[in-house]
Amino acid sequence: MKSLRTPSPAGFLVLALLGACFSTGTASGHDPKGRLSSWDNLKSLTPGQGIRVVMKNVKSYQGKFESLSDSGITLRQAAGEQILPRKDVLRVSRKVQDHHARNALIGMVVGAGAGLVIGLTPYMIQRNCTEGPAFNCGYPPNAHWVKVLTPVGGVGGFVVGALMPSGGWHDLYRAP
């Protein structure tokens, strides 16, 4: 029976990836504490920012934020200025900037790291490098898998990161 010990570098990578996957916050769209029901949330909007307003009759308006008052919200569309009364507003969302380039770079680094770890794993197991500090056995003399899997993992991670959904709409207000 094996005793418990510190995880290998591959184990740390797996734990880090799992932590990133499960730390998405309230991705489900639920607002259990009612934070979105405050009209004051809309004070964070700046003039010219892209917004979408859904009315209680399910009609939707999209445009640039102009101004806010206790009685309603004003937005500018191609057809002109639109004043929407607060009592009829169901939801207000702001446009969130896309982060495809950032996600692609993060994916490339994670993919290259995963390729490196996967490429080194057979060598580390063969040389019994699982005890002591990470990479205690030195660089493998025949690092064919490292030379192949590191760039392949980097390219794969870059593609996955670039294609991940990014940006979109972020709700600021929902009628109670």
C-alpha atoms as a PDB file:
ATOM      1  CA  MET A   1       0.000   0.000   0.000  1.00  0.00           C
ATOM      2  CA  LYS A   2       1.336   3.437  -0.953  1.00  0.00           C
ATOM      3  CA  SER A   3       1.550   6.189   1.571  1.00  0.00           C
ATOM      4  CA  LEU A   4       0.175   9.660   0.974  1.00  0.00           C
ATOM      5  CA  ARG A   5       2.736  12.093  -0.390  1.00  0.00           C
ATOM      6  CA  THR A   6       2.893  15.372  -2.217  1.00  0.00           C
ATOM      7  CA  PRO A   7       1.497  15.310  -5.752  1.00  0.00           C
ATOM      8  CA  SER A   8       3.817  15.251  -8.745  1.00  0.00           C
ATOM      9  CA  PRO A   9       3.990  18.233 -11.139  1.00  0.00           C
ATOM     10  CA  ALA A  10       1.352  16.511 -13.269  1.00  0.00           C
ATOM     11  CA  GLY A  11      -0.843  16.202 -10.187  1.00  0.00           C
ATOM     12  CA  PHE A  12      -0.482  19.902  -9.444  1.00  0.00           C
ATOM     13  CA  LEU A  13      -1.407  20.718 -13.054  1.00  0.00           C
ATOM     14  CA  VAL A  14      -4.534  18.553 -12.866  1.00  0.00           C
ATOM     15  CA  LEU A  15      -5.542  20.158  -9.551  1.00  0.00           C
ATOM     16  CA  ALA A  16      -4.995  23.660 -10.978  1.00  0.00           C
ATOM     17  CA  LEU A  17      -7.109  22.884 -14.065  1.00  0.00           C
ATOM     18  CA  LEU A  18      -9.902  21.408 -11.939  1.00  0.00           C
ATOM     19  CA  GLY A  19      -9.823  24.452  -9.664  1.00  0.00           C
ATOM     20  CA  ALA A  20     -10.117  26.768 -12.675  1.00  0.00           C
ATOM     21  CA  CYS A  21     -13.054  24.776 -14.029  1.00  0.00           C
ATOM     22  CA  PHE A  22     -15.010  24.908 -10.774  1.00  0.00           C
ATOM     23  CA  SER A  23     -14.302  28.535  -9.865  1.00  0.00           C
ATOM     24  CA  THR A  24     -16.587  30.103 -12.449  1.00  0.00           C
ATOM     25  CA  GLY A  25     -18.801  31.755  -9.834  1.00  0.00           C
ATOM     26  CA  THR A  26     -22.476  32.177 -10.641  1.00  0.00           C
ATOM     27  CA  ALA A  27     -22.278  30.990 -14.220  1.00  0.00           C
ATOM     28  CA  SER A  28     -25.764  29.521 -13.950  1.00  0.00           C
ATOM     29  CA  GLY A  29     -27.341  32.970 -14.072  1.00  0.00           C
ATOM     30  CA  HIS A  30     -29.096  32.635 -10.700  1.00  0.00           C
ATOM     31  CA  ASP A  31     -28.956  35.515  -8.271  1.00  0.00           C
ATOM     32  CA  PRO A  32     -29.630  33.860  -4.916  1.00  0.00           C
ATOM     33  CA  LYS A  33     -28.991  36.962  -2.787  1.00  0.00           C
ATOM     34  CA  GLY A  34     -31.012  39.385  -4.914  1.00  0.00           C
ATOM     35  CA  ARG A  35     -28.034  41.591  -5.789  1.00  0.00           C
ATOM     36  CA  LEU A  36     -29.356  42.233  -9.287  1.00  0.00           C
ATOM     37  CA  SER A  37     -32.685  43.637  -8.124  1.00  0.00           C
ATOM     38  CA  SER A  38     -31.228  47.056  -7.246  1.00  0.00           C
ATOM     39  CA  TRP A  39     -31.711  49.860  -9.786  1.00  0.00           C
ATOM     40  CA  ASP A  40     -28.540  51.446  -8.326  1.00  0.00           C
ATOM     41  CA  ASN A  41     -26.460  48.754 -10.065  1.00  0.00           C
ATOM     42  CA  LEU A  42     -27.019  50.716 -13.273  1.00  0.00           C
ATOM     43  CA  LYS A  43     -25.005  53.658 -11.914  1.00  0.00           C
ATOM     44  CA  SER A  44     -21.867  51.768 -12.926  1.00  0.00           C
ATOM     45  CA  LEU A  45     -22.728  52.285 -16.615  1.00  0.00           C
ATOM     46  CA  THR A  46     -20.807  54.927 -18.540  1.00  0.00           C
ATOM     47  CA  PRO A  47     -22.261  56.950 -21.424  1.00  0.00           C
ATOM     48  CA  GLY A  48     -21.620  55.245 -24.746  1.00  0.00           C
ATOM     49  CA  GLN A  49     -21.372  51.763 -23.245  1.00  0.00           C
ATOM     50  CA  GLY A  50     -23.271  49.023 -25.093  1.00  0.00           C
ATOM     51  CA  ILE A  51     -26.410  47.855 -23.262  1.00  0.00           C
ATOM     52  CA  ARG A  52     -29.427  45.651 -23.873  1.00  0.00           C
ATOM     53  CA  VAL A  53     -32.745  46.314 -22.129  1.00  0.00           C
ATOM     54  CA  VAL A  54     -35.471  43.668 -22.027  1.00  0.00           C
ATOM     55  CA  MET A  55     -38.922  44.978 -21.227  1.00  0.00           C
ATOM     56  CA  LYS A  56     -41.688  43.165 -19.298  1.00  0.00           C
ATOM     57  CA  ASN A  57     -43.557  42.698 -22.577  1.00  0.00           C
ATOM     58  CA  VAL A  58     -40.429  40.756 -23.744  1.00  0.00           C
ATOM     59  CA  LYS A  59     -39.492  43.417 -26.306  1.00  0.00           C
ATOM     60  CA  SER A  60     -35.756  44.053 -26.372  1.00  0.00           C
ATOM     61  CA  TYR A  61     -33.777  47.242 -27.074  1.00  0.00           C
ATOM     62  CA  GLN A  62     -30.061  47.347 -27.785  1.00  0.00           C
ATOM     63  CA  GLY A  63     -27.932  50.468 -28.062  1.00  0.00           C
ATOM     64  CA  LYS A  64     -25.531  52.815 -26.289  1.00  0.00           C
ATOM     65  CA  PHE A  65     -26.240  53.952 -22.738  1.00  0.00           C
ATOM     66  CA  GLU A  66     -27.054  57.665 -22.452  1.00  0.00           C
ATOM     67  CA  SER A  67     -28.407  58.389 -18.970  1.00  0.00           C
ATOM     68  CA  LEU A  68     -30.195  57.013 -15.933  1.00  0.00           C
ATOM     69  CA  SER A  69     -32.845  58.444 -13.611  1.00  0.00           C
ATOM     70  CA  ASP A  70     -35.138  57.071 -10.930  1.00  0.00           C
ATOM     71  CA  SER A  71     -37.929  56.976 -13.492  1.00  0.00           C
ATOM     72  CA  GLY A  72     -36.116  55.215 -16.362  1.00  0.00           C
ATOM     73  CA  ILE A  73     -33.109  54.595 -18.577  1.00  0.00           C
ATOM     74  CA  THR A  74     -32.166  56.333 -21.823  1.00  0.00           C
ATOM     75  CA  LEU A  75     -30.285  54.656 -24.642  1.00  0.00           C
ATOM     76  CA  ARG A  76     -29.268  55.711 -28.132  1.00  0.00           C
ATOM     77  CA  GLN A  77     -30.073  53.515 -31.106  1.00  0.00           C
ATOM     78  CA  ALA A  78     -29.499  54.073 -34.803  1.00  0.00           C
ATOM     79  CA  ALA A  79     -33.101  55.312 -35.043  1.00  0.00           C
ATOM     80  CA  GLY A  80     -32.555  57.827 -32.240  1.00  0.00           C
ATOM     81  CA  GLU A  81     -32.843  58.215 -28.480  1.00  0.00           C
ATOM     82  CA  GLN A  82     -35.097  55.783 -26.616  1.00  0.00           C
ATOM     83  CA  ILE A  83     -36.410  56.491 -23.089  1.00  0.00           C
ATOM     84  CA  LEU A  84     -37.575  53.337 -21.311  1.00  0.00           C
ATOM     85  CA  PRO A  85     -39.664  53.667 -18.120  1.00  0.00           C
ATOM     86  CA  ARG A  86     -38.282  51.855 -15.070  1.00  0.00           C
ATOM     87  CA  LYS A  87     -41.629  50.237 -14.236  1.00  0.00           C
ATOM     88  CA  ASP A  88     -41.580  48.375 -17.588  1.00  0.00           C
ATOM     89  CA  VAL A  89     -37.925  47.255 -17.487  1.00  0.00           C
ATOM     90  CA  LEU A  90     -37.394  43.550 -16.802  1.00  0.00           C
ATOM     91  CA  ARG A  91     -33.616  43.256 -17.274  1.00  0.00           C
ATOM     92  CA  VAL A  92     -30.619  45.439 -18.206  1.00  0.00           C
ATOM     93  CA  SER A  93     -27.352  43.909 -19.438  1.00  0.00           C
ATOM     94  CA  ARG A  94     -24.075  45.494 -20.474  1.00  0.00           C
ATOM     95  CA  LYS A  95     -21.819  44.350 -23.290  1.00  0.00           C
ATOM     96  CA  VAL A  96     -18.672  42.654 -22.004  1.00  0.00           C
ATOM     97  CA  GLN A  97     -15.421  42.929 -23.966  1.00  0.00           C
ATOM     98  CA  ASP A  98     -14.238  39.831 -25.818  1.00  0.00           C
ATOM     99  CA  HIS A  99     -11.025  38.230 -24.528  1.00  0.00           C
ATOM    100  CA  HIS A 100     -10.199  35.767 -27.312  1.00  0.00           C
ATOM    101  CA  ALA A 101      -6.524  36.817 -27.559  1.00  0.00           C
ATOM    102  CA  ARG A 102      -5.990  36.545 -23.803  1.00  0.00           C
ATOM    103  CA  ASN A 103      -7.764  33.175 -23.689  1.00  0.00           C
ATOM    104  CA  ALA A 104      -5.654  31.923 -26.609  1.00  0.00           C
ATOM    105  CA  LEU A 105      -2.408  32.855 -24.839  1.00  0.00           C
ATOM    106  CA  ILE A 106      -3.526  31.249 -21.576  1.00  0.00           C
ATOM    107  CA  GLY A 107      -4.557  28.129 -23.507  1.00  0.00           C
ATOM    108  CA  MET A 108      -1.186  28.022 -25.260  1.00  0.00           C
ATOM    109  CA  VAL A 109       0.732  28.193 -21.959  1.00  0.00           C
ATOM    110  CA  VAL A 110      -1.467  25.577 -20.282  1.00  0.00           C
ATOM    111  CA  GLY A 111      -1.344  23.294 -23.335  1.00  0.00           C
ATOM    112  CA  ALA A 112       2.443  23.555 -23.659  1.00  0.00           C
ATOM    113  CA  GLY A 113       2.825  22.865 -19.937  1.00  0.00           C
ATOM    114  CA  ALA A 114       0.557  19.844 -20.183  1.00  0.00           C
ATOM    115  CA  GLY A 115       2.514  18.582 -23.208  1.00  0.00           C
ATOM    116  CA  LEU A 116       5.777  19.019 -21.322  1.00  0.00           C
ATOM    117  CA  VAL A 117       4.508  17.150 -18.261  1.00  0.00           C
ATOM    118  CA  ILE A 118       2.990  14.346 -20.342  1.00  0.00           C
ATOM    119  CA  GLY A 119       6.204  14.079 -22.367  1.00  0.00           C
ATOM    120  CA  LEU A 120       8.372  13.874 -19.237  1.00  0.00           C
ATOM    121  CA  THR A 121       6.132  11.474 -17.319  1.00  0.00           C
ATOM    122  CA  PRO A 122       7.423   8.202 -18.885  1.00  0.00           C
ATOM    123  CA  TYR A 123      11.025   9.286 -18.256  1.00  0.00           C
ATOM    124  CA  MET A 124      10.291  10.293 -14.663  1.00  0.00           C
ATOM    125  CA  ILE A 125       8.522   6.994 -13.968  1.00  0.00           C
ATOM    126  CA  GLN A 126      11.314   4.973 -15.608  1.00  0.00           C
ATOM    127  CA  ARG A 127      13.984   6.741 -13.531  1.00  0.00           C
ATOM    128  CA  ASN A 128      11.788   6.702 -10.382  1.00  0.00           C
ATOM    129  CA  CYS A 129      11.752  10.493 -10.219  1.00  0.00           C
ATOM    130  CA  THR A 130       8.534  10.535  -8.242  1.00  0.00           C
ATOM    131  CA  GLU A 131      10.312  11.037  -4.926  1.00  0.00           C
ATOM    132  CA  GLY A 132      11.935  14.303  -3.871  1.00  0.00           C
ATOM    133  CA  PRO A 133      11.907  17.618  -5.704  1.00  0.00           C
ATOM    134  CA  ALA A 134      10.264  17.858  -9.102  1.00  0.00           C
ATOM    135  CA  PHE A 135      12.494  16.992 -12.086  1.00  0.00           C
ATOM    136  CA  ASN A 136      15.217  15.673  -9.754  1.00  0.00           C
ATOM    137  CA  CYS A 137      16.520  13.295 -12.453  1.00  0.00           C
ATOM    138  CA  GLY A 138      17.724  15.943 -14.893  1.00  0.00           C
ATOM    139  CA  TYR A 139      16.704  16.418 -18.517  1.00  0.00           C
ATOM    140  CA  PRO A 140      16.043  13.169 -20.413  1.00  0.00           C
ATOM    141  CA  PRO A 141      18.709  12.311 -22.988  1.00  0.00           C
ATOM    142  CA  ASN A 142      16.118  11.138 -25.548  1.00  0.00           C
ATOM    143  CA  ALA A 143      13.379  13.718 -25.153  1.00  0.00           C
ATOM    144  CA  HIS A 144      11.424  12.814 -28.284  1.00  0.00           C
ATOM    145  CA  TRP A 145       8.038  13.008 -26.594  1.00  0.00           C
ATOM    146  CA  VAL A 146       8.863  16.320 -24.942  1.00  0.00           C
ATOM    147  CA  LYS A 147       9.941  17.799 -28.277  1.00  0.00           C
ATOM    148  CA  VAL A 148       6.697  16.658 -29.898  1.00  0.00           C
ATOM    149  CA  LEU A 149       4.074  17.041 -27.181  1.00  0.00           C
ATOM    150  CA  THR A 150       5.094  20.490 -25.873  1.00  0.00           C
ATOM    151  CA  PRO A 151       4.478  22.362 -29.166  1.00  0.00           C
ATOM    152  CA  VAL A 152       1.465  20.188 -30.032  1.00  0.00           C
ATOM    153  CA  GLY A 153      -0.046  20.941 -26.624  1.00  0.00           C
ATOM    154  CA  GLY A 154       0.731  24.638 -27.074  1.00  0.00           C
ATOM    155  CA  VAL A 155      -0.950  24.803 -30.487  1.00  0.00           C
ATOM    156  CA  GLY A 156      -3.946  22.788 -29.252  1.00  0.00           C
ATOM    157  CA  GLY A 157      -4.318  25.013 -26.200  1.00  0.00           C
ATOM    158  CA  PHE A 158      -4.058  28.126 -28.367  1.00  0.00           C
ATOM    159  CA  VAL A 159      -6.865  26.917 -30.633  1.00  0.00           C
ATOM    160  CA  VAL A 160      -9.112  25.855 -27.735  1.00  0.00           C
ATOM    161  CA  GLY A 161      -8.508  29.153 -25.919  1.00  0.00           C
ATOM    162  CA  ALA A 162      -9.261  31.208 -29.028  1.00  0.00           C
ATOM    163  CA  LEU A 163     -12.507  29.326 -29.652  1.00  0.00           C
ATOM    164  CA  MET A 164     -13.800  29.501 -26.071  1.00  0.00           C
ATOM    165  CA  PRO A 165     -16.856  31.698 -25.595  1.00  0.00           C
ATOM    166  CA  SER A 166     -15.820  35.116 -24.423  1.00  0.00           C
ATOM    167  CA  GLY A 167     -17.489  38.423 -23.797  1.00  0.00           C
ATOM    168  CA  GLY A 168     -21.216  38.505 -24.299  1.00  0.00           C
ATOM    169  CA  TRP A 169     -23.726  40.150 -21.973  1.00  0.00           C
ATOM    170  CA  HIS A 170     -23.523  40.609 -18.212  1.00  0.00           C
ATOM    171  CA  ASP A 171     -26.734  41.298 -16.290  1.00  0.00           C
ATOM    172  CA  LEU A 172     -26.680  44.408 -14.102  1.00  0.00           C
ATOM    173  CA  TYR A 173     -30.341  44.646 -13.173  1.00  0.00           C
ATOM    174  CA  ARG A 174     -33.323  42.302 -12.996  1.00  0.00           C
ATOM    175  CA  ALA A 175     -36.735  43.454 -11.876  1.00  0.00           C
ATOM    176  CA  PRO A 176     -37.769  42.000  -8.521  1.00  0.00           C
END
